[in-house]
């Protein structure tokens, strides 16, 4: 396969990641493209300019997206001695962090749902809906208190 064909396939895959991140996590497409590119790029550590060039993004759009990705711990930034350029790479445990954050959010909602039982009273249908939510959450996180 020619290098141009390979690059085209890689960029198509990056676009699929962008669509997934938007649909599943509500992220902007550019954020998903950055994640996708950092998963498959060589070298694994790249500057914002290199990433922007690779995915066809403006360098201005990179700043806020890189800040977001580094603040949630998915991407690590670093500088090299004697250079002013900042380099980025996806954290080795990036997706483990995503899963843990999602599970923690579900567990927190399970606790909120527990509080809703006080509104159930004699309304069996309302209580059933709350219990159904709790059971679904427990499948992911373990039993709700």
N, C-alpha and C. Protein backbone atom coordinates (compact mmCIF):
# COMPACT_ATOMS: atom_id res chain seq x y z
N UNK A 1 0.84 -1.17 0.00
CA UNK A 1 0.00 0.00 0.00
C UNK A 1 0.89 1.24 0.00
N UNK A 2 0.56 2.21 -0.82
CA UNK A 2 1.33 3.44 -0.93
C UNK A 2 1.19 4.27 0.33
N UNK A 3 2.24 5.03 0.68
CA UNK A 3 2.16 5.87 1.88
C UNK A 3 0.98 6.84 1.86
N UNK A 4 0.65 7.40 0.69
CA UNK A 4 -0.49 8.31 0.61
C UNK A 4 -1.79 7.59 0.91
N UNK A 5 -1.92 6.33 0.42
CA UNK A 5 -3.12 5.54 0.71
C UNK A 5 -3.22 5.24 2.20
N UNK A 6 -2.09 4.91 2.79
CA UNK A 6 -2.04 4.62 4.22
C UNK A 6 -2.44 5.85 5.02
N UNK A 7 -1.91 7.00 4.65
CA UNK A 7 -2.24 8.25 5.35
C UNK A 7 -3.73 8.55 5.21
N UNK A 8 -4.28 8.34 4.02
CA UNK A 8 -5.70 8.59 3.80
C UNK A 8 -6.55 7.68 4.70
N UNK A 9 -6.18 6.43 4.79
CA UNK A 9 -6.90 5.49 5.66
C UNK A 9 -6.79 5.91 7.12
N UNK A 10 -5.61 6.38 7.51
CA UNK A 10 -5.41 6.83 8.89
C UNK A 10 -6.32 8.03 9.18
N UNK A 11 -6.38 8.98 8.26
CA UNK A 11 -7.21 10.17 8.47
C UNK A 11 -8.70 9.82 8.47
N UNK A 12 -9.09 8.84 7.68
CA UNK A 12 -10.48 8.37 7.73
C UNK A 12 -10.78 7.76 9.09
N UNK A 13 -9.83 7.01 9.64
CA UNK A 13 -10.01 6.41 10.96
C UNK A 13 -10.09 7.51 12.02
N UNK A 14 -9.22 8.52 11.92
CA UNK A 14 -9.23 9.65 12.85
C UNK A 14 -10.60 10.32 12.83
N UNK A 15 -11.18 10.44 11.63
CA UNK A 15 -12.51 11.05 11.52
C UNK A 15 -13.57 10.19 12.19
N UNK A 16 -13.44 8.87 12.10
CA UNK A 16 -14.37 7.98 12.81
C UNK A 16 -14.26 8.18 14.32
N UNK A 17 -13.04 8.34 14.81
CA UNK A 17 -12.84 8.61 16.25
C UNK A 17 -13.51 9.93 16.61
N UNK A 18 -13.35 10.94 15.77
CA UNK A 18 -13.96 12.25 16.04
C UNK A 18 -15.48 12.12 16.12
N UNK A 19 -16.07 11.37 15.21
CA UNK A 19 -17.53 11.19 15.22
C UNK A 19 -17.96 10.44 16.49
N UNK A 20 -17.22 9.40 16.85
CA UNK A 20 -17.54 8.66 18.07
C UNK A 20 -17.47 9.57 19.29
N UNK A 21 -16.40 10.33 19.42
CA UNK A 21 -16.22 11.20 20.58
C UNK A 21 -17.34 12.24 20.67
N UNK A 22 -17.79 12.71 19.52
CA UNK A 22 -18.90 13.66 19.51
C UNK A 22 -20.20 13.01 19.92
N UNK A 23 -20.49 11.85 19.32
CA UNK A 23 -21.74 11.16 19.60
C UNK A 23 -21.80 10.61 21.02
N UNK A 24 -20.73 9.97 21.45
CA UNK A 24 -20.74 9.28 22.75
C UNK A 24 -20.41 10.19 23.92
N UNK A 25 -19.54 11.16 23.71
CA UNK A 25 -19.05 11.95 24.83
C UNK A 25 -19.36 13.44 24.71
N UNK A 26 -19.95 13.85 23.60
CA UNK A 26 -20.29 15.26 23.43
C UNK A 26 -19.10 16.17 23.19
N UNK A 27 -17.99 15.59 22.73
CA UNK A 27 -16.80 16.40 22.46
C UNK A 27 -16.89 17.01 21.07
N UNK A 28 -16.23 18.13 20.91
CA UNK A 28 -16.15 18.76 19.59
C UNK A 28 -15.37 17.85 18.65
N UNK A 29 -15.69 17.86 17.36
CA UNK A 29 -14.97 17.01 16.42
C UNK A 29 -13.45 17.19 16.47
N UNK A 30 -12.99 18.42 16.62
CA UNK A 30 -11.54 18.66 16.66
C UNK A 30 -10.90 17.93 17.83
N UNK A 31 -11.59 17.88 18.96
CA UNK A 31 -11.06 17.20 20.13
C UNK A 31 -10.93 15.70 19.84
N UNK A 32 -11.94 15.13 19.21
CA UNK A 32 -11.88 13.72 18.83
C UNK A 32 -10.79 13.45 17.81
N UNK A 33 -10.59 14.38 16.88
CA UNK A 33 -9.53 14.20 15.89
C UNK A 33 -8.16 14.20 16.56
N UNK A 34 -7.98 15.08 17.51
CA UNK A 34 -6.71 15.13 18.24
C UNK A 34 -6.48 13.79 18.95
N UNK A 35 -7.49 13.31 19.66
CA UNK A 35 -7.35 12.02 20.35
C UNK A 35 -7.03 10.90 19.37
N UNK A 36 -7.78 10.86 18.29
CA UNK A 36 -7.54 9.83 17.29
C UNK A 36 -6.13 9.88 16.74
N UNK A 37 -5.69 11.09 16.39
CA UNK A 37 -4.34 11.22 15.83
C UNK A 37 -3.28 10.79 16.85
N UNK A 38 -3.45 11.21 18.10
CA UNK A 38 -2.44 10.87 19.10
C UNK A 38 -2.40 9.36 19.39
N UNK A 39 -3.47 8.66 19.08
CA UNK A 39 -3.46 7.21 19.26
C UNK A 39 -2.63 6.50 18.20
N UNK A 40 -2.52 7.07 17.01
CA UNK A 40 -1.87 6.34 15.91
C UNK A 40 -0.65 7.02 15.31
N UNK A 41 -0.32 8.22 15.76
CA UNK A 41 0.77 8.96 15.11
C UNK A 41 2.14 8.41 15.48
N UNK A 42 3.07 8.67 14.57
CA UNK A 42 4.47 8.35 14.80
C UNK A 42 5.28 9.57 14.41
N UNK A 43 6.07 10.09 15.32
CA UNK A 43 6.31 9.63 16.68
C UNK A 43 5.08 9.89 17.57
N UNK A 44 5.04 9.21 18.69
CA UNK A 44 3.89 9.29 19.60
C UNK A 44 3.76 10.67 20.24
N UNK A 45 4.84 11.40 20.31
CA UNK A 45 4.87 12.71 20.94
C UNK A 45 5.00 13.76 19.84
N UNK A 46 4.01 14.68 19.76
CA UNK A 46 4.02 15.66 18.68
C UNK A 46 3.65 17.04 19.21
N UNK A 47 4.11 18.06 18.48
CA UNK A 47 3.77 19.44 18.85
C UNK A 47 2.36 19.75 18.36
N UNK A 48 1.79 20.81 18.92
CA UNK A 48 0.45 21.22 18.49
C UNK A 48 0.45 21.54 17.00
N UNK A 49 1.52 22.14 16.50
CA UNK A 49 1.63 22.45 15.08
C UNK A 49 1.64 21.20 14.22
N UNK A 50 2.37 20.18 14.66
CA UNK A 50 2.42 18.92 13.91
C UNK A 50 1.04 18.25 13.89
N UNK A 51 0.37 18.28 15.04
CA UNK A 51 -0.97 17.68 15.12
C UNK A 51 -1.93 18.46 14.22
N UNK A 52 -1.89 19.78 14.31
CA UNK A 52 -2.77 20.62 13.49
C UNK A 52 -2.56 20.35 12.00
N UNK A 53 -1.31 20.28 11.59
CA UNK A 53 -1.00 20.00 10.18
C UNK A 53 -1.53 18.62 9.77
N UNK A 54 -1.38 17.65 10.63
CA UNK A 54 -1.78 16.27 10.31
C UNK A 54 -3.28 16.14 10.14
N UNK A 55 -4.05 16.82 10.99
CA UNK A 55 -5.50 16.64 10.96
C UNK A 55 -6.23 17.78 10.26
N UNK A 56 -5.47 18.75 9.75
CA UNK A 56 -6.07 19.86 9.03
C UNK A 56 -6.80 20.84 9.91
N UNK A 57 -6.27 21.08 11.07
CA UNK A 57 -6.89 22.02 12.01
C UNK A 57 -6.10 23.31 12.06
N UNK A 58 -6.75 24.37 12.47
CA UNK A 58 -6.02 25.63 12.67
C UNK A 58 -5.25 25.53 13.98
N UNK A 59 -4.13 26.19 14.00
CA UNK A 59 -3.33 26.15 15.23
C UNK A 59 -4.05 26.85 16.37
N UNK A 60 -4.86 27.85 16.03
CA UNK A 60 -5.62 28.56 17.07
C UNK A 60 -6.60 27.63 17.77
N UNK A 61 -7.21 26.71 17.02
CA UNK A 61 -8.18 25.79 17.63
C UNK A 61 -7.50 24.76 18.53
N UNK A 62 -6.23 24.59 18.37
CA UNK A 62 -5.51 23.59 19.14
C UNK A 62 -5.38 23.97 20.61
N UNK A 63 -5.21 25.25 20.89
CA UNK A 63 -4.93 25.69 22.26
C UNK A 63 -5.99 25.25 23.24
N UNK A 64 -7.24 25.59 22.98
CA UNK A 64 -8.29 25.26 23.94
C UNK A 64 -8.53 23.75 24.00
N UNK A 65 -8.41 23.08 22.88
CA UNK A 65 -8.62 21.63 22.87
C UNK A 65 -7.51 20.89 23.58
N UNK A 66 -6.27 21.34 23.42
CA UNK A 66 -5.17 20.69 24.13
C UNK A 66 -5.29 20.96 25.63
N UNK A 67 -5.75 22.16 25.98
CA UNK A 67 -5.95 22.48 27.40
C UNK A 67 -7.00 21.54 28.00
N UNK A 68 -8.09 21.33 27.26
CA UNK A 68 -9.14 20.42 27.74
C UNK A 68 -8.59 19.00 27.91
N UNK A 69 -7.91 18.50 26.91
CA UNK A 69 -7.42 17.12 26.96
C UNK A 69 -6.35 16.92 28.04
N UNK A 70 -5.55 17.93 28.29
CA UNK A 70 -4.55 17.79 29.36
C UNK A 70 -5.21 17.94 30.73
N UNK A 71 -6.22 18.81 30.83
CA UNK A 71 -6.85 19.02 32.15
C UNK A 71 -7.60 17.78 32.63
N UNK A 72 -8.15 16.98 31.71
CA UNK A 72 -8.85 15.77 32.13
C UNK A 72 -7.92 14.55 32.19
N UNK A 73 -6.65 14.76 31.89
CA UNK A 73 -5.67 13.70 32.06
C UNK A 73 -5.57 12.71 30.91
N UNK A 74 -6.15 13.04 29.77
CA UNK A 74 -6.05 12.13 28.63
C UNK A 74 -4.76 12.33 27.85
N UNK A 75 -4.26 13.55 27.87
CA UNK A 75 -3.06 13.90 27.12
C UNK A 75 -2.05 14.53 28.07
N UNK A 76 -0.81 14.19 27.86
CA UNK A 76 0.29 14.75 28.68
C UNK A 76 1.07 15.72 27.81
N UNK A 77 1.47 16.81 28.41
CA UNK A 77 2.30 17.78 27.70
C UNK A 77 3.66 17.86 28.35
N UNK A 78 4.67 18.13 27.53
CA UNK A 78 6.01 18.30 28.08
C UNK A 78 6.87 19.10 27.12
N UNK A 79 7.90 19.65 27.66
CA UNK A 79 8.88 20.36 26.84
C UNK A 79 10.19 19.59 26.91
N UNK A 80 11.01 19.83 25.93
CA UNK A 80 12.33 19.21 25.89
C UNK A 80 13.38 20.26 26.22
N UNK A 81 14.38 19.83 26.94
CA UNK A 81 15.42 20.76 27.36
C UNK A 81 16.01 21.47 26.13
N UNK A 82 16.11 22.79 26.24
CA UNK A 82 16.69 23.60 25.17
C UNK A 82 15.71 23.95 24.06
N UNK A 83 14.45 23.51 24.17
CA UNK A 83 13.45 23.82 23.15
C UNK A 83 12.31 24.59 23.78
N UNK A 84 11.65 25.42 22.97
CA UNK A 84 10.50 26.17 23.44
C UNK A 84 9.19 25.48 23.06
N UNK A 85 9.26 24.50 22.22
CA UNK A 85 8.08 23.81 21.74
C UNK A 85 7.53 22.88 22.81
N UNK A 86 6.20 22.84 22.92
CA UNK A 86 5.53 21.90 23.81
C UNK A 86 5.08 20.71 22.98
N UNK A 87 5.30 19.53 23.52
CA UNK A 87 4.92 18.29 22.84
C UNK A 87 3.81 17.60 23.63
N UNK A 88 2.98 16.88 22.90
CA UNK A 88 1.83 16.20 23.50
C UNK A 88 1.85 14.73 23.12
N UNK A 89 1.36 13.91 24.04
CA UNK A 89 1.16 12.50 23.76
C UNK A 89 -0.02 12.01 24.58
N UNK A 90 -0.65 10.99 24.08
CA UNK A 90 -1.78 10.42 24.81
C UNK A 90 -1.22 9.65 26.01
N UNK A 91 -1.87 9.78 27.14
CA UNK A 91 -1.43 9.05 28.33
C UNK A 91 -1.65 7.56 28.13
N UNK A 92 -0.76 6.75 28.66
CA UNK A 92 -0.88 5.30 28.51
C UNK A 92 -2.19 4.78 29.11
N UNK A 93 -2.65 5.43 30.18
CA UNK A 93 -3.88 4.99 30.84
C UNK A 93 -5.07 5.90 30.53
N UNK A 94 -5.03 6.58 29.39
CA UNK A 94 -6.06 7.57 29.05
C UNK A 94 -7.46 6.97 29.08
N UNK A 95 -7.64 5.83 28.46
CA UNK A 95 -8.99 5.28 28.38
C UNK A 95 -9.41 4.60 29.67
N UNK A 96 -8.46 4.14 30.44
CA UNK A 96 -8.80 3.66 31.78
C UNK A 96 -9.36 4.82 32.61
N UNK A 97 -8.75 6.01 32.47
CA UNK A 97 -9.24 7.19 33.18
C UNK A 97 -10.66 7.54 32.75
N UNK A 98 -10.92 7.46 31.44
CA UNK A 98 -12.26 7.76 30.94
C UNK A 98 -13.28 6.81 31.56
N UNK A 99 -12.97 5.53 31.56
CA UNK A 99 -13.89 4.53 32.10
C UNK A 99 -14.11 4.78 33.59
N UNK A 100 -13.04 5.02 34.32
CA UNK A 100 -13.17 5.27 35.76
C UNK A 100 -14.02 6.52 36.03
N UNK A 101 -13.83 7.58 35.25
CA UNK A 101 -14.62 8.80 35.42
C UNK A 101 -16.10 8.53 35.16
N UNK A 102 -16.38 7.76 34.11
CA UNK A 102 -17.77 7.44 33.79
C UNK A 102 -18.42 6.59 34.88
N UNK A 103 -17.68 5.61 35.38
CA UNK A 103 -18.22 4.77 36.45
C UNK A 103 -18.48 5.59 37.72
N UNK A 104 -17.57 6.50 38.02
CA UNK A 104 -17.75 7.37 39.19
C UNK A 104 -18.99 8.24 39.02
N UNK A 105 -19.20 8.73 37.81
CA UNK A 105 -20.39 9.56 37.56
C UNK A 105 -21.67 8.74 37.74
N UNK A 106 -21.67 7.50 37.24
CA UNK A 106 -22.84 6.65 37.42
C UNK A 106 -23.07 6.35 38.90
N UNK A 107 -22.01 6.07 39.62
CA UNK A 107 -22.14 5.79 41.05
C UNK A 107 -22.72 7.00 41.78
N UNK A 108 -22.26 8.20 41.42
CA UNK A 108 -22.78 9.41 42.05
C UNK A 108 -24.27 9.57 41.74
N UNK A 109 -24.66 9.26 40.50
CA UNK A 109 -26.08 9.36 40.17
C UNK A 109 -26.89 8.31 40.93
N UNK A 110 -26.31 7.15 41.16
CA UNK A 110 -26.98 6.13 41.95
C UNK A 110 -27.31 6.63 43.34
N UNK A 111 -26.39 7.40 43.91
CA UNK A 111 -26.63 7.98 45.23
C UNK A 111 -27.75 9.02 45.17
N UNK A 112 -27.77 9.81 44.10
CA UNK A 112 -28.83 10.80 43.94
C UNK A 112 -30.18 10.09 43.78
N UNK A 113 -30.20 9.00 43.02
CA UNK A 113 -31.44 8.24 42.83
C UNK A 113 -31.94 7.69 44.16
N UNK A 114 -31.04 7.30 45.03
CA UNK A 114 -31.43 6.79 46.35
C UNK A 114 -32.22 7.86 47.10
N UNK A 115 -31.79 9.10 46.98
CA UNK A 115 -32.50 10.20 47.65
C UNK A 115 -33.91 10.36 47.08
N UNK A 116 -34.10 10.04 45.80
CA UNK A 116 -35.40 10.21 45.16
C UNK A 116 -36.45 9.25 45.72
N UNK A 117 -36.01 8.19 46.36
CA UNK A 117 -36.98 7.25 46.93
C UNK A 117 -37.87 7.90 47.98
N UNK A 118 -37.41 8.96 48.60
CA UNK A 118 -38.24 9.65 49.59
C UNK A 118 -39.47 10.28 48.95
N UNK A 119 -39.45 10.48 47.62
CA UNK A 119 -40.59 11.03 46.92
C UNK A 119 -41.54 9.96 46.43
N UNK A 120 -41.14 8.70 46.59
CA UNK A 120 -41.96 7.60 46.09
C UNK A 120 -43.26 7.44 46.82
N UNK A 121 -43.22 7.53 48.12
CA UNK A 121 -44.43 7.37 48.92
C UNK A 121 -45.17 6.12 48.52
N UNK A 122 -46.44 6.28 48.28
CA UNK A 122 -47.28 5.16 47.90
C UNK A 122 -47.29 4.93 46.38
N UNK A 123 -46.56 5.76 45.65
CA UNK A 123 -46.56 5.67 44.20
C UNK A 123 -45.61 4.56 43.76
N UNK A 124 -46.15 3.38 43.52
CA UNK A 124 -45.34 2.24 43.13
C UNK A 124 -44.65 2.42 41.79
N UNK A 125 -45.30 3.12 40.86
CA UNK A 125 -44.70 3.32 39.54
C UNK A 125 -43.44 4.19 39.64
N UNK A 126 -43.50 5.24 40.42
CA UNK A 126 -42.34 6.12 40.61
C UNK A 126 -41.20 5.34 41.26
N UNK A 127 -41.52 4.58 42.28
CA UNK A 127 -40.50 3.79 42.96
C UNK A 127 -39.88 2.77 42.01
N UNK A 128 -40.71 2.14 41.16
CA UNK A 128 -40.19 1.18 40.18
C UNK A 128 -39.20 1.85 39.22
N UNK A 129 -39.51 3.07 38.77
CA UNK A 129 -38.60 3.77 37.85
C UNK A 129 -37.27 4.06 38.53
N UNK A 130 -37.33 4.49 39.78
CA UNK A 130 -36.10 4.79 40.52
C UNK A 130 -35.29 3.51 40.72
N UNK A 131 -35.96 2.44 41.15
CA UNK A 131 -35.27 1.16 41.37
C UNK A 131 -34.68 0.63 40.07
N UNK A 132 -35.38 0.82 38.96
CA UNK A 132 -34.87 0.38 37.67
C UNK A 132 -33.56 1.11 37.33
N UNK A 133 -33.55 2.43 37.58
CA UNK A 133 -32.32 3.20 37.36
C UNK A 133 -31.20 2.68 38.25
N UNK A 134 -31.51 2.44 39.51
CA UNK A 134 -30.49 1.94 40.44
C UNK A 134 -29.95 0.57 40.01
N UNK A 135 -30.83 -0.30 39.56
CA UNK A 135 -30.39 -1.64 39.13
C UNK A 135 -29.48 -1.55 37.91
N UNK A 136 -29.82 -0.68 36.99
CA UNK A 136 -28.97 -0.52 35.80
C UNK A 136 -27.59 0.02 36.19
N UNK A 137 -27.58 0.96 37.09
CA UNK A 137 -26.31 1.53 37.56
C UNK A 137 -25.51 0.47 38.31
N UNK A 138 -26.18 -0.34 39.10
CA UNK A 138 -25.49 -1.38 39.88
C UNK A 138 -24.83 -2.41 38.96
N UNK A 139 -25.40 -2.64 37.79
CA UNK A 139 -24.76 -3.56 36.84
C UNK A 139 -23.36 -3.06 36.44
N UNK A 140 -23.20 -1.75 36.38
CA UNK A 140 -21.92 -1.16 36.00
C UNK A 140 -20.99 -0.94 37.18
N UNK A 141 -21.56 -0.56 38.31
CA UNK A 141 -20.73 -0.07 39.41
C UNK A 141 -20.75 -0.94 40.66
N UNK A 142 -21.65 -1.88 40.72
CA UNK A 142 -21.83 -2.65 41.94
C UNK A 142 -23.07 -2.16 42.65
N UNK A 143 -23.50 -2.83 43.68
CA UNK A 143 -24.74 -2.47 44.38
C UNK A 143 -24.75 -1.05 44.88
N UNK A 144 -25.90 -0.41 44.77
CA UNK A 144 -26.10 0.94 45.31
C UNK A 144 -26.53 0.79 46.75
N UNK A 145 -26.03 1.65 47.60
CA UNK A 145 -26.34 1.57 49.04
C UNK A 145 -27.82 1.66 49.31
